[in-house]
N, C-alpha and C. Protein backbone atom coordinates (compact mmCIF):
# COMPACT_ATOMS: atom_id res chain seq x y z
N MET A 1 -85.61 -11.26 -32.33
CA MET A 1 -84.52 -12.13 -31.94
C MET A 1 -84.11 -12.99 -33.14
N SER A 2 -82.83 -13.10 -33.36
CA SER A 2 -82.37 -13.85 -34.53
C SER A 2 -82.51 -15.35 -34.29
N ALA A 3 -82.76 -16.06 -35.38
CA ALA A 3 -82.97 -17.50 -35.30
C ALA A 3 -81.72 -18.21 -34.78
N GLU A 4 -80.56 -17.61 -35.02
CA GLU A 4 -79.33 -18.28 -34.62
C GLU A 4 -78.80 -17.77 -33.29
N ALA A 5 -79.68 -17.23 -32.46
CA ALA A 5 -79.24 -16.76 -31.15
C ALA A 5 -78.66 -17.93 -30.35
N SER A 6 -77.54 -17.68 -29.70
CA SER A 6 -76.94 -18.72 -28.87
C SER A 6 -77.83 -19.03 -27.68
N ILE A 7 -77.81 -20.29 -27.26
CA ILE A 7 -78.65 -20.74 -26.15
C ILE A 7 -77.76 -20.95 -24.92
N ILE A 8 -78.13 -20.27 -23.85
CA ILE A 8 -77.34 -20.32 -22.62
C ILE A 8 -78.19 -20.93 -21.51
N LEU A 9 -77.64 -21.95 -20.86
CA LEU A 9 -78.28 -22.56 -19.70
C LEU A 9 -77.75 -21.87 -18.46
N VAL A 10 -78.65 -21.21 -17.71
CA VAL A 10 -78.27 -20.50 -16.50
C VAL A 10 -78.71 -21.32 -15.29
N VAL A 11 -77.75 -21.70 -14.45
CA VAL A 11 -78.04 -22.50 -13.26
C VAL A 11 -77.71 -21.66 -12.03
N GLU A 12 -78.75 -21.29 -11.30
CA GLU A 12 -78.59 -20.39 -10.15
C GLU A 12 -79.74 -20.65 -9.20
N ASP A 13 -79.43 -20.99 -7.95
CA ASP A 13 -80.50 -21.32 -7.00
C ASP A 13 -81.19 -20.10 -6.42
N ASP A 14 -80.55 -18.94 -6.47
CA ASP A 14 -81.16 -17.71 -5.98
C ASP A 14 -82.04 -17.12 -7.08
N ALA A 15 -83.35 -17.14 -6.87
CA ALA A 15 -84.30 -16.75 -7.91
C ALA A 15 -84.08 -15.32 -8.40
N ILE A 16 -83.76 -14.41 -7.49
CA ILE A 16 -83.58 -13.01 -7.88
C ILE A 16 -82.33 -12.84 -8.72
N VAL A 17 -81.24 -13.47 -8.29
CA VAL A 17 -80.00 -13.40 -9.06
C VAL A 17 -80.21 -14.04 -10.44
N ARG A 18 -80.89 -15.20 -10.45
CA ARG A 18 -81.15 -15.89 -11.73
C ARG A 18 -81.95 -14.99 -12.66
N MET A 19 -82.98 -14.33 -12.12
CA MET A 19 -83.81 -13.46 -12.94
C MET A 19 -82.99 -12.31 -13.54
N LEU A 20 -82.10 -11.73 -12.74
CA LEU A 20 -81.26 -10.63 -13.23
C LEU A 20 -80.34 -11.10 -14.35
N ILE A 21 -79.70 -12.27 -14.16
CA ILE A 21 -78.80 -12.80 -15.19
C ILE A 21 -79.59 -13.08 -16.47
N VAL A 22 -80.75 -13.71 -16.31
CA VAL A 22 -81.59 -14.04 -17.47
C VAL A 22 -82.00 -12.76 -18.22
N ASP A 23 -82.41 -11.74 -17.47
CA ASP A 23 -82.81 -10.47 -18.08
C ASP A 23 -81.67 -9.88 -18.91
N VAL A 24 -80.48 -9.87 -18.33
CA VAL A 24 -79.32 -9.31 -19.03
C VAL A 24 -79.04 -10.10 -20.30
N LEU A 25 -79.01 -11.42 -20.19
CA LEU A 25 -78.68 -12.26 -21.36
C LEU A 25 -79.74 -12.13 -22.44
N GLU A 26 -81.01 -12.04 -22.04
CA GLU A 26 -82.08 -11.90 -23.05
C GLU A 26 -81.98 -10.54 -23.72
N GLU A 27 -81.61 -9.52 -22.96
CA GLU A 27 -81.43 -8.20 -23.54
C GLU A 27 -80.30 -8.21 -24.57
N LEU A 28 -79.31 -9.07 -24.35
CA LEU A 28 -78.20 -9.22 -25.29
C LEU A 28 -78.57 -10.16 -26.44
N GLU A 29 -79.84 -10.57 -26.47
CA GLU A 29 -80.41 -11.39 -27.55
C GLU A 29 -79.94 -12.83 -27.54
N TYR A 30 -79.62 -13.34 -26.34
CA TYR A 30 -79.38 -14.78 -26.21
C TYR A 30 -80.69 -15.45 -25.83
N ARG A 31 -80.82 -16.71 -26.18
CA ARG A 31 -81.95 -17.51 -25.69
C ARG A 31 -81.48 -18.16 -24.41
N VAL A 32 -82.35 -18.16 -23.39
CA VAL A 32 -81.93 -18.61 -22.07
C VAL A 32 -82.81 -19.74 -21.56
N LEU A 33 -82.15 -20.78 -21.05
CA LEU A 33 -82.82 -21.85 -20.33
C LEU A 33 -82.49 -21.63 -18.86
N GLU A 34 -83.49 -21.74 -17.99
CA GLU A 34 -83.25 -21.49 -16.57
C GLU A 34 -83.36 -22.78 -15.77
N ALA A 35 -82.42 -22.94 -14.83
CA ALA A 35 -82.48 -24.07 -13.91
C ALA A 35 -82.19 -23.54 -12.51
N ASP A 36 -82.97 -24.03 -11.52
CA ASP A 36 -82.77 -23.53 -10.15
C ASP A 36 -81.78 -24.41 -9.38
N GLY A 37 -81.19 -25.37 -10.06
CA GLY A 37 -80.20 -26.22 -9.40
C GLY A 37 -79.72 -27.29 -10.36
N SER A 38 -78.86 -28.16 -9.85
CA SER A 38 -78.21 -29.16 -10.69
C SER A 38 -79.20 -30.16 -11.30
N GLU A 39 -80.19 -30.57 -10.53
CA GLU A 39 -81.13 -31.57 -11.06
C GLU A 39 -81.85 -31.05 -12.29
N GLU A 40 -82.35 -29.83 -12.18
CA GLU A 40 -83.07 -29.24 -13.32
C GLU A 40 -82.10 -29.02 -14.49
N ALA A 41 -80.89 -28.61 -14.19
CA ALA A 41 -79.88 -28.41 -15.24
C ALA A 41 -79.60 -29.72 -15.97
N LEU A 42 -79.49 -30.80 -15.21
CA LEU A 42 -79.19 -32.11 -15.82
C LEU A 42 -80.34 -32.58 -16.71
N THR A 43 -81.56 -32.17 -16.40
CA THR A 43 -82.69 -32.50 -17.27
C THR A 43 -82.46 -31.90 -18.66
N PHE A 44 -82.03 -30.63 -18.69
CA PHE A 44 -81.72 -29.99 -19.98
C PHE A 44 -80.52 -30.67 -20.65
N LEU A 45 -79.49 -30.93 -19.85
CA LEU A 45 -78.25 -31.50 -20.41
C LEU A 45 -78.45 -32.90 -20.96
N ASN A 46 -79.35 -33.65 -20.35
CA ASN A 46 -79.63 -35.02 -20.79
C ASN A 46 -80.53 -35.08 -22.01
N ASP A 47 -81.19 -33.96 -22.34
CA ASP A 47 -82.10 -33.92 -23.48
C ASP A 47 -81.30 -33.71 -24.75
N GLU A 48 -81.13 -34.78 -25.53
CA GLU A 48 -80.27 -34.70 -26.72
C GLU A 48 -80.82 -33.76 -27.78
N ASP A 49 -82.12 -33.46 -27.72
CA ASP A 49 -82.71 -32.55 -28.70
C ASP A 49 -82.55 -31.09 -28.29
N GLN A 50 -82.10 -30.85 -27.06
CA GLN A 50 -81.95 -29.48 -26.56
C GLN A 50 -80.53 -28.99 -26.83
N TYR A 51 -80.42 -28.02 -27.73
CA TYR A 51 -79.09 -27.47 -28.03
C TYR A 51 -78.70 -26.49 -26.92
N ILE A 52 -77.45 -26.53 -26.51
CA ILE A 52 -76.95 -25.59 -25.50
C ILE A 52 -75.56 -25.14 -25.95
N ASP A 53 -75.37 -23.82 -26.06
CA ASP A 53 -74.08 -23.27 -26.50
C ASP A 53 -73.13 -23.00 -25.33
N LEU A 54 -73.71 -22.73 -24.16
CA LEU A 54 -72.91 -22.34 -23.00
C LEU A 54 -73.72 -22.63 -21.75
N MET A 55 -73.05 -23.12 -20.71
CA MET A 55 -73.71 -23.24 -19.41
C MET A 55 -73.04 -22.27 -18.44
N MET A 56 -73.87 -21.47 -17.79
CA MET A 56 -73.38 -20.58 -16.74
C MET A 56 -73.96 -21.08 -15.43
N THR A 57 -73.09 -21.43 -14.49
CA THR A 57 -73.58 -21.99 -13.24
C THR A 57 -72.95 -21.32 -12.03
N ASP A 58 -73.77 -21.17 -11.00
CA ASP A 58 -73.26 -20.74 -9.71
C ASP A 58 -72.40 -21.89 -9.17
N VAL A 59 -71.33 -21.57 -8.46
CA VAL A 59 -70.51 -22.63 -7.87
C VAL A 59 -71.22 -23.21 -6.65
N GLY A 60 -71.78 -22.34 -5.81
CA GLY A 60 -72.38 -22.78 -4.56
C GLY A 60 -73.83 -23.17 -4.68
N LEU A 61 -74.09 -24.27 -5.35
CA LEU A 61 -75.46 -24.76 -5.46
C LEU A 61 -75.72 -25.75 -4.33
N PRO A 62 -76.98 -25.83 -3.87
CA PRO A 62 -77.30 -26.86 -2.87
C PRO A 62 -77.25 -28.24 -3.52
N GLY A 63 -76.98 -29.26 -2.73
CA GLY A 63 -76.89 -30.61 -3.29
C GLY A 63 -75.61 -30.73 -4.10
N MET A 64 -75.75 -31.05 -5.37
CA MET A 64 -74.60 -31.14 -6.26
C MET A 64 -74.13 -29.73 -6.59
N ASP A 65 -72.89 -29.39 -6.23
CA ASP A 65 -72.43 -28.02 -6.47
C ASP A 65 -72.05 -27.81 -7.94
N GLY A 66 -71.71 -26.58 -8.26
CA GLY A 66 -71.45 -26.21 -9.64
C GLY A 66 -70.30 -26.98 -10.27
N ARG A 67 -69.28 -27.31 -9.46
CA ARG A 67 -68.14 -28.06 -9.99
C ARG A 67 -68.56 -29.47 -10.38
N GLU A 68 -69.33 -30.11 -9.51
CA GLU A 68 -69.82 -31.46 -9.81
C GLU A 68 -70.73 -31.43 -11.04
N LEU A 69 -71.59 -30.42 -11.09
CA LEU A 69 -72.49 -30.27 -12.23
C LEU A 69 -71.67 -30.13 -13.52
N ALA A 70 -70.61 -29.35 -13.46
CA ALA A 70 -69.76 -29.15 -14.64
C ALA A 70 -69.14 -30.47 -15.09
N LYS A 71 -68.71 -31.28 -14.12
CA LYS A 71 -68.15 -32.60 -14.46
C LYS A 71 -69.18 -33.45 -15.19
N GLN A 72 -70.39 -33.47 -14.63
CA GLN A 72 -71.48 -34.24 -15.25
C GLN A 72 -71.79 -33.70 -16.64
N ALA A 73 -71.84 -32.38 -16.75
CA ALA A 73 -72.16 -31.74 -18.03
C ALA A 73 -71.14 -32.12 -19.09
N ARG A 74 -69.87 -32.17 -18.70
CA ARG A 74 -68.81 -32.49 -19.64
C ARG A 74 -68.83 -33.96 -20.07
N ILE A 75 -69.34 -34.83 -19.21
CA ILE A 75 -69.51 -36.23 -19.60
C ILE A 75 -70.58 -36.31 -20.69
N LEU A 76 -71.66 -35.55 -20.50
CA LEU A 76 -72.78 -35.57 -21.44
C LEU A 76 -72.47 -34.77 -22.70
N ARG A 77 -71.76 -33.66 -22.53
CA ARG A 77 -71.47 -32.74 -23.64
C ARG A 77 -70.02 -32.29 -23.52
N PRO A 78 -69.10 -33.09 -24.05
CA PRO A 78 -67.66 -32.84 -23.83
C PRO A 78 -67.17 -31.47 -24.29
N GLU A 79 -67.83 -30.86 -25.28
CA GLU A 79 -67.35 -29.58 -25.82
C GLU A 79 -67.99 -28.37 -25.17
N LEU A 80 -68.92 -28.58 -24.24
CA LEU A 80 -69.72 -27.46 -23.70
C LEU A 80 -68.85 -26.46 -22.95
N PRO A 81 -68.86 -25.18 -23.37
CA PRO A 81 -68.16 -24.15 -22.58
C PRO A 81 -68.95 -23.91 -21.28
N ILE A 82 -68.23 -23.75 -20.19
CA ILE A 82 -68.88 -23.56 -18.89
C ILE A 82 -68.31 -22.32 -18.22
N LEU A 83 -69.22 -21.48 -17.74
CA LEU A 83 -68.85 -20.26 -17.02
C LEU A 83 -69.35 -20.39 -15.58
N PHE A 84 -68.41 -20.35 -14.64
CA PHE A 84 -68.79 -20.38 -13.23
C PHE A 84 -68.98 -18.96 -12.72
N ALA A 85 -70.01 -18.76 -11.92
CA ALA A 85 -70.18 -17.48 -11.21
C ALA A 85 -69.89 -17.77 -9.75
N SER A 86 -69.02 -16.95 -9.15
CA SER A 86 -68.65 -17.21 -7.77
C SER A 86 -68.27 -15.94 -7.05
N GLY A 87 -68.63 -15.88 -5.79
CA GLY A 87 -68.21 -14.77 -4.95
C GLY A 87 -66.75 -14.90 -4.55
N TYR A 88 -66.16 -16.06 -4.85
CA TYR A 88 -64.76 -16.32 -4.49
C TYR A 88 -63.97 -16.69 -5.73
N ALA A 89 -64.14 -15.89 -6.79
CA ALA A 89 -63.60 -16.25 -8.11
C ALA A 89 -62.11 -16.53 -8.09
N GLU A 90 -61.36 -15.75 -7.31
CA GLU A 90 -59.91 -15.89 -7.37
C GLU A 90 -59.44 -17.21 -6.76
N SER A 91 -60.29 -17.84 -5.96
CA SER A 91 -59.85 -19.06 -5.28
C SER A 91 -60.25 -20.33 -6.04
N ILE A 92 -60.78 -20.18 -7.24
CA ILE A 92 -61.23 -21.35 -7.98
C ILE A 92 -60.29 -21.61 -9.14
N ASP A 93 -59.83 -22.86 -9.25
CA ASP A 93 -59.13 -23.18 -10.50
C ASP A 93 -60.06 -24.06 -11.32
N VAL A 94 -60.13 -23.76 -12.59
CA VAL A 94 -61.11 -24.42 -13.43
C VAL A 94 -60.42 -25.18 -14.57
N PRO A 95 -61.04 -26.29 -14.98
CA PRO A 95 -60.50 -27.05 -16.11
C PRO A 95 -60.57 -26.25 -17.40
N SER A 96 -59.87 -26.72 -18.42
CA SER A 96 -59.84 -25.97 -19.67
C SER A 96 -61.23 -25.93 -20.30
N GLY A 97 -61.51 -24.83 -21.00
CA GLY A 97 -62.82 -24.64 -21.59
C GLY A 97 -63.83 -24.09 -20.60
N MET A 98 -63.37 -23.87 -19.37
CA MET A 98 -64.25 -23.30 -18.34
C MET A 98 -63.63 -22.00 -17.85
N GLN A 99 -64.49 -21.05 -17.51
CA GLN A 99 -64.01 -19.77 -17.01
C GLN A 99 -64.82 -19.38 -15.79
N VAL A 100 -64.34 -18.35 -15.09
CA VAL A 100 -65.00 -17.88 -13.88
C VAL A 100 -65.29 -16.40 -14.01
N ILE A 101 -66.46 -16.00 -13.53
CA ILE A 101 -66.75 -14.58 -13.39
C ILE A 101 -67.07 -14.35 -11.92
N GLY A 102 -66.44 -13.31 -11.34
CA GLY A 102 -66.62 -13.05 -9.92
C GLY A 102 -67.93 -12.32 -9.65
N LYS A 103 -68.61 -12.74 -8.59
CA LYS A 103 -69.82 -12.04 -8.15
C LYS A 103 -69.40 -10.99 -7.12
N PRO A 104 -69.99 -9.82 -7.08
CA PRO A 104 -70.97 -9.37 -8.08
C PRO A 104 -70.26 -8.94 -9.36
N PHE A 105 -70.92 -9.13 -10.49
CA PHE A 105 -70.32 -8.71 -11.76
C PHE A 105 -71.23 -7.69 -12.41
N SER A 106 -70.64 -6.87 -13.27
CA SER A 106 -71.43 -5.87 -13.98
C SER A 106 -72.03 -6.49 -15.24
N ILE A 107 -73.01 -5.82 -15.79
CA ILE A 107 -73.62 -6.25 -17.05
C ILE A 107 -72.55 -6.33 -18.13
N ASP A 108 -71.66 -5.33 -18.16
CA ASP A 108 -70.60 -5.31 -19.17
C ASP A 108 -69.65 -6.49 -19.01
N GLN A 109 -69.29 -6.81 -17.77
CA GLN A 109 -68.41 -7.95 -17.53
C GLN A 109 -69.06 -9.25 -18.01
N LEU A 110 -70.34 -9.41 -17.69
CA LEU A 110 -71.05 -10.61 -18.10
C LEU A 110 -71.12 -10.69 -19.62
N ARG A 111 -71.47 -9.58 -20.25
CA ARG A 111 -71.57 -9.54 -21.71
C ARG A 111 -70.24 -9.92 -22.35
N ASP A 112 -69.16 -9.29 -21.88
CA ASP A 112 -67.85 -9.53 -22.48
C ASP A 112 -67.39 -10.97 -22.28
N LYS A 113 -67.64 -11.52 -21.09
CA LYS A 113 -67.22 -12.88 -20.78
C LYS A 113 -67.97 -13.88 -21.66
N VAL A 114 -69.30 -13.70 -21.75
CA VAL A 114 -70.12 -14.62 -22.55
C VAL A 114 -69.76 -14.51 -24.03
N ARG A 115 -69.64 -13.30 -24.53
CA ARG A 115 -69.27 -13.11 -25.94
C ARG A 115 -67.93 -13.76 -26.24
N GLY A 116 -66.98 -13.56 -25.34
CA GLY A 116 -65.65 -14.12 -25.53
C GLY A 116 -65.68 -15.64 -25.58
N MET A 117 -66.50 -16.24 -24.71
CA MET A 117 -66.56 -17.71 -24.66
C MET A 117 -67.30 -18.29 -25.85
N LEU A 118 -68.24 -17.54 -26.40
CA LEU A 118 -69.03 -18.05 -27.54
C LEU A 118 -68.36 -17.75 -28.88
N ALA A 119 -67.36 -16.87 -28.86
CA ALA A 119 -66.72 -16.44 -30.11
C ALA A 119 -65.97 -17.59 -30.78
């Protein structure tokens, strides 16, 4: 793995889905931080020593949902690119610098979306 691998924070409350996303991203040689919800994600986001290149979050998280989490993330890290994963992708409008990938998505779709956002 290259030293300059991009670091992606994956926020997904479904452990199996999270594991699949993490596996795909690691196979693409990204470094991955995993969070099972907004609270854990905010722990990473609040850590000023933790570099994060991209946050990928499920929209439908318990407690604070993905949209709220994104708002908080942008307060802490104004430039952070954010990718929402949603089963209802077409019904979401997202602020600039944020994108949506519809669930279920293919490995190729995920790869292309992440590469495009990190480029």
